[in-house]
Amino acid sequence: MQEGRSRSFYILAAFFALFILFLYGPTITIAILSFQGPKGGLTFPMNGVSLHWFHDLFEQQAVGDIWGSFRRSFALGLMVMVTTVVISVMAGLAFRKRFWGSGILFYLVITSLIIPSILVSLGVGLIFNQLGFDIHWTTSGFGSQLTWTLPFGLLIMFAVFNRFDKAYEEAARDLGATSWQTIRYVVLPIIAPSLIGVALFGFTLSYDEFARTLLTSGSYNTLPLEIFGMTTNVTSPVLYALGTLTTVFSLLIIGAFLLIAYSARRRQAAKGSNAGDGMV
């Protein structure tokens, strides 16, 4: 029995190691190749080691509008993040009680997750054309990305409010708090760490989105579209350097959100401890 368990353990460990290699291997490979020497190519073996291609990114050259596309992706990510958090919280509060058409509305929202992204992009672009509106990343691109982020935010809020203890709200009302005061001073502080998670989902999904922005960004590319365009005309490791920088930026964003969530939990735990000491 012990031998069988050991064999199963090693099989699962090998499978997990292969999964990690498959998941992070391409990213690690790109990061290594981005440090090629000035005469390096796009494949191994490496021809020297240097930071040449990182410096090349910051010089004026005909490799596309890298920094403009980065600023657009960052701004669009912030817009989508804030909108996703606000609407997800409002929808989560609304769905705590059954109302007419709630089931149909829920499935309509979730359906956007299973529709091919390119069809969503095409549909949004066609609607804007038919209505005579300009296709732009701040309008049609913004709307198409919300069809991707809002369902995730709503599902997270459903999970949060399903575990939410309504006794906190009842206690606040017994103390004379209005509905708005209960939400502002009781509900929102308790669910704050989950809201940070929704914000992280909203920003990262928007920042990395390609298909739903392909036909809705207009004449100005977001960063994923710009990188895709560079793959057709850039034949130097500068593309890998850009990939490495964007990966590091994404990791820093995730780390910042996790740090904020950790700080919010610490403050919440401290307040709970102080309240308990006061009661004693």
Protein backbone atom coordinates (compact mmCIF):
# COMPACT_ATOMS: atom_id res chain seq x y z
CA MET A 1 0.00 0.00 0.00
CA GLN A 2 2.80 2.39 0.94
CA GLU A 3 4.60 1.59 -2.32
CA GLY A 4 1.43 2.30 -4.31
CA ARG A 5 0.96 5.61 -2.57
CA SER A 6 4.57 6.58 -3.24
CA ARG A 7 4.18 5.73 -6.92
CA SER A 8 1.02 7.83 -7.14
CA PHE A 9 2.72 10.70 -5.36
CA TYR A 10 5.64 10.72 -7.80
CA ILE A 11 3.30 10.53 -10.79
CA LEU A 12 1.28 13.49 -9.52
CA ALA A 13 4.46 15.40 -8.69
CA ALA A 14 5.83 14.80 -12.19
CA PHE A 15 2.53 15.87 -13.75
CA PHE A 16 2.50 19.04 -11.65
CA ALA A 17 6.11 19.80 -12.60
CA LEU A 18 5.23 19.41 -16.30
CA PHE A 19 2.23 21.67 -15.81
CA ILE A 20 4.38 24.37 -14.20
CA LEU A 21 6.96 24.02 -16.98
CA PHE A 22 4.26 24.31 -19.65
CA LEU A 23 2.71 27.30 -17.88
CA TYR A 24 5.82 29.33 -17.14
CA GLY A 25 8.35 27.87 -19.57
CA PRO A 26 7.49 30.22 -22.48
CA THR A 27 7.60 33.28 -20.22
CA ILE A 28 10.97 32.26 -18.78
CA THR A 29 12.32 31.57 -22.27
CA ILE A 30 11.25 35.01 -23.51
CA ALA A 31 12.78 36.63 -20.43
CA ILE A 32 16.12 34.87 -21.05
CA LEU A 33 16.20 35.73 -24.77
CA SER A 34 15.44 39.38 -24.02
CA PHE A 35 18.97 39.65 -22.60
CA GLN A 36 20.59 38.78 -25.94
CA GLY A 37 23.62 40.74 -27.06
CA PRO A 38 23.36 43.49 -29.72
CA LYS A 39 23.80 40.91 -32.49
CA GLY A 40 21.48 38.37 -30.93
CA GLY A 41 18.53 36.78 -32.67
CA LEU A 42 15.13 35.41 -31.75
CA THR A 43 16.28 31.90 -30.90
CA PHE A 44 18.93 30.03 -28.96
CA PRO A 45 21.89 29.91 -28.69
CA MET A 46 22.32 33.36 -27.22
CA ASN A 47 24.83 35.68 -28.84
CA GLY A 48 26.17 37.48 -25.79
CA VAL A 49 24.38 38.92 -22.77
CA SER A 50 23.39 42.57 -22.43
CA LEU A 51 20.60 45.07 -21.74
CA HIS A 52 20.81 46.38 -25.31
CA TRP A 53 17.23 45.52 -26.28
CA PHE A 54 15.77 47.10 -23.14
CA HIS A 55 17.59 50.34 -23.98
CA ASP A 56 16.33 49.99 -27.53
CA LEU A 57 12.74 50.12 -26.30
CA PHE A 58 13.23 53.65 -24.99
CA GLU A 59 14.77 55.01 -28.16
CA GLN A 60 12.97 56.53 -31.13
CA GLN A 61 12.51 53.75 -33.63
CA ALA A 62 9.99 52.33 -36.07
CA VAL A 63 8.65 49.52 -33.90
CA GLY A 64 5.18 50.92 -33.34
CA ASP A 65 3.55 53.10 -30.72
CA ILE A 66 4.64 51.04 -27.72
CA TRP A 67 4.31 53.61 -24.95
CA GLY A 68 1.17 55.16 -26.38
CA SER A 69 -0.48 51.75 -26.49
CA PHE A 70 0.72 51.07 -22.94
CA ARG A 71 -0.87 54.29 -21.68
CA ARG A 72 -4.12 53.42 -23.44
CA SER A 73 -4.19 49.91 -21.98
CA PHE A 74 -3.43 51.26 -18.51
CA ALA A 75 -6.14 53.92 -18.72
CA LEU A 76 -8.65 51.46 -20.15
CA GLY A 77 -7.79 48.97 -17.41
CA LEU A 78 -8.48 51.59 -14.72
CA MET A 79 -11.79 52.54 -16.36
CA VAL A 80 -12.90 48.91 -16.59
CA MET A 81 -11.70 48.19 -13.05
CA VAL A 82 -13.68 51.00 -11.41
CA THR A 83 -16.81 50.28 -13.44
CA THR A 84 -16.60 46.55 -12.72
CA VAL A 85 -16.26 47.09 -8.98
CA VAL A 86 -19.15 49.57 -8.76
CA ILE A 87 -21.59 47.61 -10.91
CA SER A 88 -20.62 44.25 -9.33
CA VAL A 89 -21.30 45.57 -5.84
CA MET A 90 -24.61 47.11 -6.87
CA ALA A 91 -25.65 43.93 -8.70
CA GLY A 92 -24.56 41.76 -5.77
CA LEU A 93 -26.69 43.81 -3.39
CA ALA A 94 -29.64 43.71 -5.79
CA PHE A 95 -29.48 39.93 -6.28
CA ARG A 96 -29.60 39.30 -2.54
CA LYS A 97 -33.36 39.40 -2.93
CA ARG A 98 -35.38 37.74 -5.63
CA PHE A 99 -37.02 40.08 -8.11
CA TRP A 100 -38.94 39.60 -11.33
CA GLY A 101 -36.64 38.55 -14.14
CA SER A 102 -33.61 38.04 -11.88
CA GLY A 103 -32.95 34.54 -13.21
CA ILE A 104 -33.16 35.62 -16.84
CA LEU A 105 -30.95 38.65 -16.16
CA PHE A 106 -28.35 36.49 -14.43
CA TYR A 107 -28.11 34.05 -17.34
CA LEU A 108 -27.95 36.89 -19.85
CA VAL A 109 -24.93 38.28 -18.01
CA ILE A 110 -23.18 34.93 -17.70
CA THR A 111 -23.84 34.03 -21.34
CA SER A 112 -21.26 36.60 -22.45
CA LEU A 113 -18.57 34.34 -20.97
CA ILE A 114 -19.31 31.49 -23.37
CA ILE A 115 -19.80 33.57 -26.52
CA PRO A 116 -16.57 33.62 -28.58
CA SER A 117 -14.77 36.86 -27.81
CA ILE A 118 -14.20 37.72 -31.45
CA LEU A 119 -17.97 37.58 -32.05
CA VAL A 120 -18.54 39.98 -29.16
CA SER A 121 -15.97 42.34 -30.65
CA LEU A 122 -17.57 42.06 -34.09
CA GLY A 123 -21.07 42.61 -32.70
CA VAL A 124 -20.13 45.68 -30.66
CA GLY A 125 -18.30 47.15 -33.64
CA LEU A 126 -21.30 46.59 -35.93
CA ILE A 127 -23.69 48.18 -33.43
CA PHE A 128 -21.53 51.29 -33.16
CA ASN A 129 -21.30 51.50 -36.95
CA GLN A 130 -25.06 51.15 -37.38
CA LEU A 131 -25.74 53.83 -34.76
CA GLY A 132 -23.23 56.18 -36.36
CA PHE A 133 -20.91 56.28 -33.34
CA ASP A 134 -17.14 56.43 -33.65
CA ILE A 135 -15.33 53.20 -32.84
CA HIS A 136 -12.79 54.09 -30.17
CA TRP A 137 -11.05 52.31 -27.33
CA THR A 138 -12.72 54.58 -24.74
CA THR A 139 -16.25 53.78 -25.97
CA SER A 140 -16.74 50.60 -27.98
CA GLY A 141 -13.53 49.05 -26.62
CA PHE A 142 -14.59 49.91 -23.08
CA GLY A 143 -18.04 48.39 -23.56
CA SER A 144 -16.78 45.18 -25.14
CA GLN A 145 -14.33 44.60 -22.30
CA LEU A 146 -17.07 45.06 -19.71
CA THR A 147 -18.85 42.06 -21.24
CA TRP A 148 -15.80 40.06 -20.12
CA THR A 149 -15.09 41.51 -16.68
CA LEU A 150 -18.59 42.11 -15.27
CA PRO A 151 -19.64 38.43 -15.18
CA PHE A 152 -16.53 37.56 -13.15
CA GLY A 153 -17.17 40.44 -10.78
CA LEU A 154 -20.81 39.42 -10.37
CA LEU A 155 -19.92 35.79 -9.64
CA ILE A 156 -17.41 36.88 -7.00
CA MET A 157 -20.02 39.12 -5.36
CA PHE A 158 -22.52 36.26 -5.34
CA ALA A 159 -20.02 34.10 -3.46
CA VAL A 160 -19.25 36.94 -1.03
CA PHE A 161 -22.85 37.79 -0.18
CA ASN A 162 -23.85 34.13 0.10
CA ARG A 163 -21.45 33.92 3.06
CA PHE A 164 -22.24 37.36 4.44
CA ASP A 165 -23.73 37.33 7.95
CA LYS A 166 -26.81 39.55 7.90
CA ALA A 167 -26.62 39.88 11.68
CA TYR A 168 -24.15 42.75 11.19
CA GLU A 169 -26.68 44.69 9.17
CA GLU A 170 -29.46 43.96 11.63
CA ALA A 171 -27.30 45.17 14.51
CA ALA A 172 -26.52 48.40 12.63
CA ARG A 173 -30.21 49.05 11.96
CA ASP A 174 -31.05 48.34 15.62
CA LEU A 175 -28.55 51.08 16.51
CA GLY A 176 -30.38 53.52 14.22
CA ALA A 177 -28.27 53.35 11.07
CA THR A 178 -29.97 54.09 7.76
CA SER A 179 -29.71 51.74 4.80
CA TRP A 180 -26.95 53.85 3.24
CA GLN A 181 -25.02 54.08 6.52
CA THR A 182 -25.30 50.32 6.93
CA ILE A 183 -23.82 49.74 3.48
CA ARG A 184 -21.13 52.38 3.87
CA TYR A 185 -19.95 51.68 7.41
CA VAL A 186 -20.76 47.97 7.81
CA VAL A 187 -21.12 46.09 4.53
CA LEU A 188 -18.40 47.74 2.44
CA PRO A 189 -15.64 47.54 5.10
CA ILE A 190 -16.38 43.84 5.64
CA ILE A 191 -16.28 42.96 1.94
CA ALA A 192 -13.38 45.31 1.15
CA PRO A 193 -10.81 42.50 0.58
CA SER A 194 -13.19 40.86 -1.90
CA LEU A 195 -13.64 44.19 -3.68
CA ILE A 196 -9.89 44.36 -4.12
CA GLY A 197 -10.07 40.93 -5.75
CA VAL A 198 -12.80 42.15 -8.12
CA ALA A 199 -10.67 45.19 -8.95
CA LEU A 200 -7.68 42.96 -9.69
CA PHE A 201 -9.80 40.79 -11.97
CA GLY A 202 -11.19 43.82 -13.76
CA PHE A 203 -7.82 45.45 -14.36
CA THR A 204 -5.83 42.38 -15.38
CA LEU A 205 -8.55 40.98 -17.66
CA SER A 206 -8.82 44.34 -19.40
CA TYR A 207 -5.07 44.95 -19.60
CA ASP A 208 -4.46 41.58 -21.28
CA GLU A 209 -7.57 41.41 -23.47
CA PHE A 210 -6.99 41.01 -27.18
CA ALA A 211 -9.97 39.49 -29.01
CA ARG A 212 -12.72 41.72 -27.59
CA THR A 213 -10.65 44.80 -28.38
CA LEU A 214 -9.54 43.74 -31.85
CA LEU A 215 -12.51 45.25 -33.73
CA THR A 216 -13.53 47.86 -31.16
CA SER A 217 -10.38 49.88 -30.45
CA GLY A 218 -10.59 52.02 -33.56
CA SER A 219 -7.41 53.46 -35.05
CA TYR A 220 -5.50 53.40 -31.74
CA ASN A 221 -4.13 50.08 -30.52
CA THR A 222 -4.04 48.85 -26.96
CA LEU A 223 -0.85 47.12 -25.82
CA PRO A 224 -1.92 43.53 -26.70
CA LEU A 225 -2.91 44.68 -30.20
CA GLU A 226 0.36 46.59 -30.59
CA ILE A 227 2.40 43.55 -29.56
CA PHE A 228 0.47 41.39 -32.00
CA GLY A 229 1.20 43.87 -34.76
CA MET A 230 4.88 43.90 -33.84
CA THR A 231 5.11 40.12 -34.31
CA THR A 232 4.57 40.63 -38.05
CA ASN A 233 7.31 43.22 -38.65
CA VAL A 234 9.78 43.15 -35.74
CA THR A 235 12.49 40.49 -36.03
CA SER A 236 14.73 41.40 -33.11
CA PRO A 237 14.75 40.57 -29.38
CA VAL A 238 13.26 44.01 -28.67
CA LEU A 239 9.92 42.18 -28.82
CA TYR A 240 11.10 39.86 -26.04
CA ALA A 241 12.31 42.82 -23.99
CA LEU A 242 8.86 44.35 -24.27
CA GLY A 243 7.28 41.07 -23.22
CA THR A 244 9.57 40.85 -20.20
CA LEU A 245 8.77 44.41 -19.09
CA THR A 246 5.02 43.92 -19.47
CA THR A 247 5.22 40.66 -17.50
CA VAL A 248 7.13 42.37 -14.69
CA PHE A 249 4.58 45.19 -14.72
CA SER A 250 1.71 42.69 -14.45
CA LEU A 251 3.40 40.94 -11.53
CA LEU A 252 3.94 44.28 -9.78
CA ILE A 253 0.26 45.15 -10.23
CA ILE A 254 -0.80 41.79 -8.80
CA GLY A 255 1.63 42.22 -5.90
CA ALA A 256 0.29 45.70 -5.17
CA PHE A 257 -3.29 44.44 -5.09
CA LEU A 258 -2.35 41.54 -2.83
CA LEU A 259 -0.53 43.93 -0.48
CA ILE A 260 -3.60 46.19 -0.35
CA ALA A 261 -5.83 43.18 0.38
CA TYR A 262 -3.47 42.00 3.12
CA SER A 263 -3.42 45.46 4.70
CA ALA A 264 -7.23 45.65 4.56
CA ARG A 265 -7.53 42.30 6.31
CA ARG A 266 -5.02 43.37 8.97
CA ARG A 267 -6.92 46.59 9.66
CA GLN A 268 -10.19 44.69 9.78
CA ALA A 269 -8.76 42.15 12.21
CA ALA A 270 -7.31 44.95 14.37
CA LYS A 271 -10.67 46.72 14.53
CA GLY A 272 -12.38 43.49 15.49
CA SER A 273 -9.79 42.86 18.22
CA ASN A 274 -10.16 46.39 19.59
CA ALA A 275 -13.94 46.07 19.60
CA GLY A 276 -13.66 42.80 21.48
CA ASP A 277 -11.31 44.35 24.06
CA GLY A 278 -13.73 47.24 24.53
CA MET A 279 -16.60 44.85 25.25
CA VAL A 280 -14.51 43.04 27.81
